[in-house]
Amino acid sequence: ARHAEITQQTGVAIYFCDPHSPWQRGSNENINGLMRQYLPKGTDLSVHSQEQLNAIALELNMRPRKRFDFKCPIEGMGEVMQEAMAMRHHAPASNQ
């Protein structure tokens, strides 16, 4: 709901796919398929504990992905965070 504000503050453009167009959401549809290995479509998530859901999320995030040069998403996120911290550490102080 605050996509315009997020775009303005971060410079990251946010795009919306057309309804009923799964080909526009390839990565999302791939993740849905992976999740269905654990939780079939229509599963009532309230019957699963948060610990069970966290374990599924961790397993999916530890799975290597071709799109990440066969690194797992957690590795990729760690690298991005390290780069961001390095940039922040080396950024000149602002004069306010």
PDB file of N, CA and C in Angstrom:
ATOM      1  N   ALA A   1       0.827  -1.189   0.000  1.00  0.00           N
ATOM      2  CA  ALA A   1       0.000   0.000   0.000  1.00  0.00           C
ATOM      3  C   ALA A   1       0.867   1.248   0.000  1.00  0.00           C
ATOM      4  N   ARG A   2       2.118   1.118   0.459  1.00  0.00           N
ATOM      5  CA  ARG A   2       2.999   2.287   0.520  1.00  0.00           C
ATOM      6  C   ARG A   2       4.112   2.182  -0.517  1.00  0.00           C
ATOM      7  N   HIS A   3       3.801   1.564  -1.649  1.00  0.00           N
ATOM      8  CA  HIS A   3       4.829   1.333  -2.658  1.00  0.00           C
ATOM      9  C   HIS A   3       5.442   2.619  -3.198  1.00  0.00           C
ATOM     10  N   ALA A   4       4.657   3.658  -3.369  1.00  0.00           N
ATOM     11  CA  ALA A   4       5.197   4.920  -3.890  1.00  0.00           C
ATOM     12  C   ALA A   4       6.183   5.526  -2.890  1.00  0.00           C
ATOM     13  N   GLU A   5       5.849   5.463  -1.623  1.00  0.00           N
ATOM     14  CA  GLU A   5       6.733   5.984  -0.576  1.00  0.00           C
ATOM     15  C   GLU A   5       8.047   5.182  -0.522  1.00  0.00           C
ATOM     16  N   ILE A   6       7.938   3.866  -0.623  1.00  0.00           N
ATOM     17  CA  ILE A   6       9.130   3.013  -0.606  1.00  0.00           C
ATOM     18  C   ILE A   6      10.015   3.332  -1.800  1.00  0.00           C
ATOM     19  N   THR A   7       9.411   3.472  -2.978  1.00  0.00           N
ATOM     20  CA  THR A   7      10.179   3.805  -4.177  1.00  0.00           C
ATOM     21  C   THR A   7      10.873   5.149  -4.012  1.00  0.00           C
ATOM     22  N   GLN A   8      10.170   6.123  -3.490  1.00  0.00           N
ATOM     23  CA  GLN A   8      10.743   7.458  -3.323  1.00  0.00           C
ATOM     24  C   GLN A   8      11.895   7.438  -2.326  1.00  0.00           C
ATOM     25  N   GLN A   9      11.750   6.721  -1.223  1.00  0.00           N
ATOM     26  CA  GLN A   9      12.779   6.719  -0.187  1.00  0.00           C
ATOM     27  C   GLN A   9      13.983   5.856  -0.529  1.00  0.00           C
ATOM     28  N   THR A  10      13.776   4.795  -1.303  1.00  0.00           N
ATOM     29  CA  THR A  10      14.873   3.863  -1.574  1.00  0.00           C
ATOM     30  C   THR A  10      15.408   3.922  -3.000  1.00  0.00           C
ATOM     31  N   GLY A  11      14.622   4.475  -3.909  1.00  0.00           N
ATOM     32  CA  GLY A  11      15.016   4.481  -5.311  1.00  0.00           C
ATOM     33  C   GLY A  11      14.787   3.141  -5.990  1.00  0.00           C
ATOM     34  N   VAL A  12      14.149   2.205  -5.294  1.00  0.00           N
ATOM     35  CA  VAL A  12      13.860   0.883  -5.849  1.00  0.00           C
ATOM     36  C   VAL A  12      12.458   0.909  -6.449  1.00  0.00           C
ATOM     37  N   ALA A  13      12.369   0.658  -7.747  1.00  0.00           N
ATOM     38  CA  ALA A  13      11.075   0.652  -8.419  1.00  0.00           C
ATOM     39  C   ALA A  13      10.304  -0.611  -8.037  1.00  0.00           C
ATOM     40  N   ILE A  14       9.022  -0.480  -7.852  1.00  0.00           N
ATOM     41  CA  ILE A  14       8.152  -1.605  -7.520  1.00  0.00           C
ATOM     42  C   ILE A  14       7.186  -1.797  -8.678  1.00  0.00           C
ATOM     43  N   TYR A  15       7.104  -3.036  -9.149  1.00  0.00           N
ATOM     44  CA  TYR A  15       6.251  -3.361 -10.283  1.00  0.00           C
ATOM     45  C   TYR A  15       5.159  -4.328  -9.841  1.00  0.00           C
ATOM     46  N   PHE A  16       4.023  -4.250 -10.498  1.00  0.00           N
ATOM     47  CA  PHE A  16       2.909  -5.151 -10.224  1.00  0.00           C
ATOM     48  C   PHE A  16       2.602  -5.948 -11.480  1.00  0.00           C
ATOM     49  N   CYS A  17       2.387  -7.244 -11.315  1.00  0.00           N
ATOM     50  CA  CYS A  17       2.044  -8.104 -12.438  1.00  0.00           C
ATOM     51  C   CYS A  17       0.550  -8.014 -12.719  1.00  0.00           C
ATOM     52  N   ASP A  18       0.192  -8.330 -13.947  1.00  0.00           N
ATOM     53  CA  ASP A  18      -1.219  -8.365 -14.307  1.00  0.00           C
ATOM     54  C   ASP A  18      -1.879  -9.578 -13.646  1.00  0.00           C
ATOM     55  N   PRO A  19      -3.151  -9.444 -13.260  1.00  0.00           N
ATOM     56  CA  PRO A  19      -3.856 -10.587 -12.669  1.00  0.00           C
ATOM     57  C   PRO A  19      -3.899 -11.769 -13.644  1.00  0.00           C
ATOM     58  N   HIS A  20      -3.848 -12.958 -13.101  1.00  0.00           N
ATOM     59  CA  HIS A  20      -3.952 -14.207 -13.874  1.00  0.00           C
ATOM     60  C   HIS A  20      -2.863 -14.313 -14.944  1.00  0.00           C
ATOM     61  N   SER A  21      -1.649 -13.838 -14.606  1.00  0.00           N
ATOM     62  CA  SER A  21      -0.523 -13.879 -15.540  1.00  0.00           C
ATOM     63  C   SER A  21       0.705 -14.474 -14.841  1.00  0.00           C
ATOM     64  N   PRO A  22       0.685 -15.774 -14.551  1.00  0.00           N
ATOM     65  CA  PRO A  22       1.790 -16.363 -13.793  1.00  0.00           C
ATOM     66  C   PRO A  22       3.137 -16.264 -14.495  1.00  0.00           C
ATOM     67  N   TRP A  23       3.161 -16.144 -15.824  1.00  0.00           N
ATOM     68  CA  TRP A  23       4.420 -16.026 -16.550  1.00  0.00           C
ATOM     69  C   TRP A  23       5.151 -14.732 -16.204  1.00  0.00           C
ATOM     70  N   GLN A  24       4.445 -13.764 -15.634  1.00  0.00           N
ATOM     71  CA  GLN A  24       5.069 -12.511 -15.228  1.00  0.00           C
ATOM     72  C   GLN A  24       5.695 -12.618 -13.837  1.00  0.00           C
ATOM     73  N   ARG A  25       5.440 -13.729 -13.167  1.00  0.00           N
ATOM     74  CA  ARG A  25       5.922 -13.916 -11.802  1.00  0.00           C
ATOM     75  C   ARG A  25       6.721 -15.215 -11.695  1.00  0.00           C
ATOM     76  N   GLY A  26       7.675 -15.417 -12.586  1.00  0.00           N
ATOM     77  CA  GLY A  26       8.403 -16.674 -12.655  1.00  0.00           C
ATOM     78  C   GLY A  26       9.037 -17.100 -11.348  1.00  0.00           C
ATOM     79  N   SER A  27       9.748 -16.194 -10.711  1.00  0.00           N
ATOM     80  CA  SER A  27      10.424 -16.533  -9.458  1.00  0.00           C
ATOM     81  C   SER A  27       9.412 -16.879  -8.376  1.00  0.00           C
ATOM     82  N   ASN A  28       8.348 -16.102  -8.291  1.00  0.00           N
ATOM     83  CA  ASN A  28       7.301 -16.354  -7.305  1.00  0.00           C
ATOM     84  C   ASN A  28       6.642 -17.708  -7.532  1.00  0.00           C
ATOM     85  N   GLU A  29       6.347 -18.016  -8.781  1.00  0.00           N
ATOM     86  CA  GLU A  29       5.703 -19.296  -9.089  1.00  0.00           C
ATOM     87  C   GLU A  29       6.632 -20.462  -8.792  1.00  0.00           C
ATOM     88  N   ASN A  30       7.931 -20.274  -9.009  1.00  0.00           N
ATOM     89  CA  ASN A  30       8.897 -21.317  -8.690  1.00  0.00           C
ATOM     90  C   ASN A  30       8.908 -21.593  -7.184  1.00  0.00           C
ATOM     91  N   ILE A  31       8.921 -20.542  -6.394  1.00  0.00           N
ATOM     92  CA  ILE A  31       8.910 -20.710  -4.934  1.00  0.00           C
ATOM     93  C   ILE A  31       7.620 -21.387  -4.492  1.00  0.00           C
ATOM     94  N   ASN A  32       6.496 -21.002  -5.095  1.00  0.00           N
ATOM     95  CA  ASN A  32       5.229 -21.669  -4.758  1.00  0.00           C
ATOM     96  C   ASN A  32       5.328 -23.167  -4.999  1.00  0.00           C
ATOM     97  N   GLY A  33       5.935 -23.558  -6.113  1.00  0.00           N
ATOM     98  CA  GLY A  33       6.102 -24.975  -6.420  1.00  0.00           C
ATOM     99  C   GLY A  33       6.975 -25.678  -5.395  1.00  0.00           C
ATOM    100  N   LEU A  34       8.057 -25.014  -4.978  1.00  0.00           N
ATOM    101  CA  LEU A  34       8.933 -25.602  -3.963  1.00  0.00           C
ATOM    102  C   LEU A  34       8.202 -25.745  -2.631  1.00  0.00           C
ATOM    103  N   MET A  35       7.419 -24.737  -2.273  1.00  0.00           N
ATOM    104  CA  MET A  35       6.674 -24.794  -1.005  1.00  0.00           C
ATOM    105  C   MET A  35       5.648 -25.917  -1.006  1.00  0.00           C
ATOM    106  N   ARG A  36       5.083 -26.202  -2.171  1.00  0.00           N
ATOM    107  CA  ARG A  36       4.055 -27.250  -2.248  1.00  0.00           C
ATOM    108  C   ARG A  36       4.638 -28.639  -2.040  1.00  0.00           C
ATOM    109  N   GLN A  37       5.969 -28.766  -2.076  1.00  0.00           N
ATOM    110  CA  GLN A  37       6.586 -30.038  -1.712  1.00  0.00           C
ATOM    111  C   GLN A  37       6.377 -30.312  -0.227  1.00  0.00           C
ATOM    112  N   TYR A  38       6.202 -29.248   0.544  1.00  0.00           N
ATOM    113  CA  TYR A  38       6.006 -29.357   1.989  1.00  0.00           C
ATOM    114  C   TYR A  38       4.548 -29.152   2.389  1.00  0.00           C
ATOM    115  N   LEU A  39       3.902 -28.213   1.720  1.00  0.00           N
ATOM    116  CA  LEU A  39       2.539 -27.810   2.076  1.00  0.00           C
ATOM    117  C   LEU A  39       1.690 -27.787   0.809  1.00  0.00           C
ATOM    118  N   PRO A  40       0.887 -28.820   0.573  1.00  0.00           N
ATOM    119  CA  PRO A  40       0.050 -28.842  -0.635  1.00  0.00           C
ATOM    120  C   PRO A  40      -0.860 -27.619  -0.713  1.00  0.00           C
ATOM    121  N   LYS A  41      -1.219 -27.239  -1.939  1.00  0.00           N
ATOM    122  CA  LYS A  41      -2.104 -26.095  -2.158  1.00  0.00           C
ATOM    123  C   LYS A  41      -3.367 -26.271  -1.332  1.00  0.00           C
ATOM    124  N   GLY A  42      -3.789 -25.211  -0.670  1.00  0.00           N
ATOM    125  CA  GLY A  42      -4.993 -25.254   0.143  1.00  0.00           C
ATOM    126  C   GLY A  42      -4.753 -25.698   1.571  1.00  0.00           C
ATOM    127  N   THR A  43      -3.503 -25.954   1.938  1.00  0.00           N
ATOM    128  CA  THR A  43      -3.187 -26.384   3.304  1.00  0.00           C
ATOM    129  C   THR A  43      -3.554 -25.296   4.299  1.00  0.00           C
ATOM    130  N   ASP A  44      -4.156 -25.707   5.401  1.00  0.00           N
ATOM    131  CA  ASP A  44      -4.481 -24.792   6.495  1.00  0.00           C
ATOM    132  C   ASP A  44      -3.214 -24.616   7.333  1.00  0.00           C
ATOM    133  N   LEU A  45      -2.585 -23.466   7.222  1.00  0.00           N
ATOM    134  CA  LEU A  45      -1.334 -23.236   7.931  1.00  0.00           C
ATOM    135  C   LEU A  45      -1.503 -23.179   9.441  1.00  0.00           C
ATOM    136  N   SER A  46      -2.714 -22.944   9.904  1.00  0.00           N
ATOM    137  CA  SER A  46      -2.935 -22.834  11.352  1.00  0.00           C
ATOM    138  C   SER A  46      -2.747 -24.171  12.074  1.00  0.00           C
ATOM    139  N   VAL A  47      -2.712 -25.274  11.327  1.00  0.00           N
ATOM    140  CA  VAL A  47      -2.496 -26.576  11.973  1.00  0.00           C
ATOM    141  C   VAL A  47      -1.006 -26.871  12.138  1.00  0.00           C
ATOM    142  N   HIS A  48      -0.150 -25.989  11.620  1.00  0.00           N
ATOM    143  CA  HIS A  48       1.293 -26.159  11.750  1.00  0.00           C
ATOM    144  C   HIS A  48       1.833 -25.145  12.753  1.00  0.00           C
ATOM    145  N   SER A  49       2.797 -25.569  13.557  1.00  0.00           N
ATOM    146  CA  SER A  49       3.403 -24.649  14.521  1.00  0.00           C
ATOM    147  C   SER A  49       4.327 -23.681  13.795  1.00  0.00           C
ATOM    148  N   GLN A  50       4.619 -22.574  14.455  1.00  0.00           N
ATOM    149  CA  GLN A  50       5.558 -21.607  13.885  1.00  0.00           C
ATOM    150  C   GLN A  50       6.922 -22.248  13.691  1.00  0.00           C
ATOM    151  N   GLU A  51       7.295 -23.146  14.597  1.00  0.00           N
ATOM    152  CA  GLU A  51       8.577 -23.836  14.476  1.00  0.00           C
ATOM    153  C   GLU A  51       8.616 -24.690  13.211  1.00  0.00           C
ATOM    154  N   GLN A  52       7.521 -25.362  12.891  1.00  0.00           N
ATOM    155  CA  GLN A  52       7.463 -26.170  11.668  1.00  0.00           C
ATOM    156  C   GLN A  52       7.581 -25.285  10.428  1.00  0.00           C
ATOM    157  N   LEU A  53       6.859 -24.175  10.429  1.00  0.00           N
ATOM    158  CA  LEU A  53       6.913 -23.259   9.289  1.00  0.00           C
ATOM    159  C   LEU A  53       8.301 -22.635   9.147  1.00  0.00           C
ATOM    160  N   ASN A  54       8.938 -22.306  10.275  1.00  0.00           N
ATOM    161  CA  ASN A  54      10.297 -21.763  10.236  1.00  0.00           C
ATOM    162  C   ASN A  54      11.277 -22.785   9.674  1.00  0.00           C
ATOM    163  N   ALA A  55      11.086 -24.055  10.031  1.00  0.00           N
ATOM    164  CA  ALA A  55      11.971 -25.114   9.527  1.00  0.00           C
ATOM    165  C   ALA A  55      11.833 -25.258   8.016  1.00  0.00           C
ATOM    166  N   ILE A  56      10.613 -25.148   7.507  1.00  0.00           N
ATOM    167  CA  ILE A  56      10.391 -25.212   6.055  1.00  0.00           C
ATOM    168  C   ILE A  56      11.061 -24.024   5.383  1.00  0.00           C
ATOM    169  N   ALA A  57      10.887 -22.835   5.943  1.00  0.00           N
ATOM    170  CA  ALA A  57      11.495 -21.629   5.370  1.00  0.00           C
ATOM    171  C   ALA A  57      13.017 -21.756   5.357  1.00  0.00           C
ATOM    172  N   LEU A  58      13.595 -22.247   6.447  1.00  0.00           N
ATOM    173  CA  LEU A  58      15.041 -22.407   6.504  1.00  0.00           C
ATOM    174  C   LEU A  58      15.520 -23.401   5.452  1.00  0.00           C
ATOM    175  N   GLU A  59      14.816 -24.510   5.320  1.00  0.00           N
ATOM    176  CA  GLU A  59      15.202 -25.511   4.327  1.00  0.00           C
ATOM    177  C   GLU A  59      15.151 -24.932   2.908  1.00  0.00           C
ATOM    178  N   LEU A  60      14.108 -24.168   2.613  1.00  0.00           N
ATOM    179  CA  LEU A  60      14.008 -23.547   1.287  1.00  0.00           C
ATOM    180  C   LEU A  60      15.106 -22.499   1.078  1.00  0.00           C
ATOM    181  N   ASN A  61      15.433 -21.757   2.126  1.00  0.00           N
ATOM    182  CA  ASN A  61      16.460 -20.716   2.009  1.00  0.00           C
ATOM    183  C   ASN A  61      17.872 -21.277   1.983  1.00  0.00           C
ATOM    184  N   MET A  62      18.031 -22.544   2.332  1.00  0.00           N
ATOM    185  CA  MET A  62      19.340 -23.205   2.275  1.00  0.00           C
ATOM    186  C   MET A  62      19.513 -23.983   0.974  1.00  0.00           C
ATOM    187  N   ARG A  63      18.508 -23.970   0.119  1.00  0.00           N
ATOM    188  CA  ARG A  63      18.551 -24.726  -1.137  1.00  0.00           C
ATOM    189  C   ARG A  63      19.254 -23.902  -2.222  1.00  0.00           C
ATOM    190  N   PRO A  64      20.335 -24.422  -2.810  1.00  0.00           N
ATOM    191  CA  PRO A  64      21.019 -23.682  -3.866  1.00  0.00           C
ATOM    192  C   PRO A  64      20.090 -23.403  -5.052  1.00  0.00           C
ATOM    193  N   ARG A  65      20.256 -22.234  -5.662  1.00  0.00           N
ATOM    194  CA  ARG A  65      19.420 -21.843  -6.793  1.00  0.00           C
ATOM    195  C   ARG A  65      20.275 -21.478  -7.989  1.00  0.00           C
ATOM    196  N   LYS A  66      19.863 -21.929  -9.144  1.00  0.00           N
ATOM    197  CA  LYS A  66      20.578 -21.618 -10.383  1.00  0.00           C
ATOM    198  C   LYS A  66      20.666 -20.107 -10.577  1.00  0.00           C
ATOM    199  N   ARG A  67      19.574 -19.404 -10.296  1.00  0.00           N
ATOM    200  CA  ARG A  67      19.548 -17.957 -10.527  1.00  0.00           C
ATOM    201  C   ARG A  67      20.538 -17.210  -9.651  1.00  0.00           C
ATOM    202  N   PHE A  68      21.024 -17.850  -8.568  1.00  0.00           N
ATOM    203  CA  PHE A  68      22.024 -17.245  -7.682  1.00  0.00           C
ATOM    204  C   PHE A  68      23.390 -17.906  -7.887  1.00  0.00           C
ATOM    205  N   ASP A  69      23.635 -18.398  -9.105  1.00  0.00           N
ATOM    206  CA  ASP A  69      24.900 -19.058  -9.427  1.00  0.00           C
ATOM    207  C   ASP A  69      25.141 -20.240  -8.485  1.00  0.00           C
ATOM    208  N   PHE A  70      24.072 -20.943  -8.189  1.00  0.00           N
ATOM    209  CA  PHE A  70      24.057 -22.142  -7.354  1.00  0.00           C
ATOM    210  C   PHE A  70      24.482 -21.884  -5.914  1.00  0.00           C
ATOM    211  N   LYS A  71      24.294 -20.650  -5.480  1.00  0.00           N
ATOM    212  CA  LYS A  71      24.414 -20.334  -4.057  1.00  0.00           C
ATOM    213  C   LYS A  71      23.003 -20.394  -3.487  1.00  0.00           C
ATOM    214  N   CYS A  72      22.916 -20.531  -2.181  1.00  0.00           N
ATOM    215  CA  CYS A  72      21.584 -20.529  -1.578  1.00  0.00           C
ATOM    216  C   CYS A  72      21.208 -19.080  -1.241  1.00  0.00           C
ATOM    217  N   PRO A  73      19.916 -18.794  -1.130  1.00  0.00           N
ATOM    218  CA  PRO A  73      19.482 -17.419  -0.855  1.00  0.00           C
ATOM    219  C   PRO A  73      20.109 -16.817   0.401  1.00  0.00           C
ATOM    220  N   ILE A  74      20.320 -17.636   1.434  1.00  0.00           N
ATOM    221  CA  ILE A  74      20.913 -17.106   2.661  1.00  0.00           C
ATOM    222  C   ILE A  74      22.341 -16.627   2.394  1.00  0.00           C
ATOM    223  N   GLU A  75      23.100 -17.370   1.583  1.00  0.00           N
ATOM    224  CA  GLU A  75      24.462 -16.942   1.240  1.00  0.00           C
ATOM    225  C   GLU A  75      24.426 -15.623   0.481  1.00  0.00           C
ATOM    226  N   GLY A  76      23.545 -15.535  -0.484  1.00  0.00           N
ATOM    227  CA  GLY A  76      23.422 -14.313  -1.275  1.00  0.00           C
ATOM    228  C   GLY A  76      23.048 -13.120  -0.427  1.00  0.00           C
ATOM    229  N   MET A  77      22.116 -13.315   0.487  1.00  0.00           N
ATOM    230  CA  MET A  77      21.700 -12.219   1.357  1.00  0.00           C
ATOM    231  C   MET A  77      22.847 -11.805   2.268  1.00  0.00           C
ATOM    232  N   GLY A  78      23.602 -12.778   2.751  1.00  0.00           N
ATOM    233  CA  GLY A  78      24.758 -12.461   3.586  1.00  0.00           C
ATOM    234  C   GLY A  78      25.773 -11.615   2.846  1.00  0.00           C
ATOM    235  N   GLU A  79      26.028 -11.956   1.576  1.00  0.00           N
ATOM    236  CA  GLU A  79      26.967 -11.185   0.768  1.00  0.00           C
ATOM    237  C   GLU A  79      26.465  -9.757   0.549  1.00  0.00           C
ATOM    238  N   VAL A  80      25.177  -9.623   0.255  1.00  0.00           N
ATOM    239  CA  VAL A  80      24.596  -8.296   0.046  1.00  0.00           C
ATOM    240  C   VAL A  80      24.705  -7.470   1.321  1.00  0.00           C
ATOM    241  N   MET A  81      24.439  -8.087   2.461  1.00  0.00           N
ATOM    242  CA  MET A  81      24.504  -7.359   3.733  1.00  0.00           C
ATOM    243  C   MET A  81      25.942  -6.943   4.050  1.00  0.00           C
ATOM    244  N   GLN A  82      26.911  -7.827   3.770  1.00  0.00           N
ATOM    245  CA  GLN A  82      28.314  -7.480   4.002  1.00  0.00           C
ATOM    246  C   GLN A  82      28.732  -6.297   3.123  1.00  0.00           C
ATOM    247  N   GLU A  83      28.317  -6.327   1.860  1.00  0.00           N
ATOM    248  CA  GLU A  83      28.641  -5.228   0.950  1.00  0.00           C
ATOM    249  C   GLU A  83      28.009  -3.923   1.434  1.00  0.00           C
ATOM    250  N   ALA A  84      26.771  -3.998   1.878  1.00  0.00           N
ATOM    251  CA  ALA A  84      26.080  -2.795   2.361  1.00  0.00           C
ATOM    252  C   ALA A  84      26.766  -2.238   3.599  1.00  0.00           C
ATOM    253  N   MET A  85      27.168  -3.128   4.499  1.00  0.00           N
ATOM    254  CA  MET A  85      27.853  -2.673   5.710  1.00  0.00           C
ATOM    255  C   MET A  85      29.214  -2.060   5.363  1.00  0.00           C
ATOM    256  N   ALA A  86      29.917  -2.654   4.411  1.00  0.00           N
ATOM    257  CA  ALA A  86      31.213  -2.113   3.999  1.00  0.00           C
ATOM    258  C   ALA A  86      31.040  -0.734   3.379  1.00  0.00           C
ATOM    259  N   MET A  87      30.020  -0.576   2.543  1.00  0.00           N
ATOM    260  CA  MET A  87      29.760   0.726   1.915  1.00  0.00           C
ATOM    261  C   MET A  87      29.398   1.757   2.973  1.00  0.00           C
ATOM    262  N   ARG A  88      28.609   1.345   3.942  1.00  0.00           N
ATOM    263  CA  ARG A  88      28.191   2.264   5.007  1.00  0.00           C
ATOM    264  C   ARG A  88      29.389   2.659   5.866  1.00  0.00           C
ATOM    265  N   HIS A  89      30.251   1.677   6.126  1.00  0.00           N
ATOM    266  CA  HIS A  89      31.425   1.931   6.964  1.00  0.00           C
ATOM    267  C   HIS A  89      32.400   2.893   6.278  1.00  0.00           C
ATOM    268  N   HIS A  90      32.512   2.792   4.956  1.00  0.00           N
ATOM    269  CA  HIS A  90      33.470   3.614   4.219  1.00  0.00           C
ATOM    270  C   HIS A  90      32.860   4.897   3.662  1.00  0.00           C
ATOM    271  N   ALA A  91      31.560   5.108   3.886  1.00  0.00           N
ATOM    272  CA  ALA A  91      30.917   6.319   3.375  1.00  0.00           C
ATOM    273  C   ALA A  91      31.397   7.533   4.158  1.00  0.00           C
ATOM    274  N   PRO A  92      31.614   8.667   3.480  1.00  0.00           N
ATOM    275  CA  PRO A  92      32.041   9.868   4.183  1.00  0.00           C
ATOM    276  C   PRO A  92      30.925  10.354   5.121  1.00  0.00           C
ATOM    277  N   ALA A  93      31.317  10.882   6.247  1.00  0.00           N
ATOM    278  CA  ALA A  93      30.346  11.404   7.211  1.00  0.00           C
ATOM    279  C   ALA A  93      29.644  12.613   6.623  1.00  0.00           C
ATOM    280  N   SER A  94      28.349  12.729   6.871  1.00  0.00           N
ATOM    281  CA  SER A  94      27.605  13.880   6.364  1.00  0.00           C
ATOM    282  C   SER A  94      27.787  15.057   7.306  1.00  0.00           C
ATOM    283  N   ASN A  95      27.762  16.242   6.767  1.00  0.00           N
ATOM    284  CA  ASN A  95      27.904  17.456   7.578  1.00  0.00           C
ATOM    285  C   ASN A  95      26.528  18.028   7.840  1.00  0.00           C
ATOM    286  N   GLN A  96      26.016  17.715   9.011  1.00  0.00           N
ATOM    287  CA  GLN A  96      24.688  18.226   9.362  1.00  0.00           C
ATOM    288  C   GLN A  96      24.768  19.116  10.559  1.00  0.00           C
TER     289      GLN A  96
END
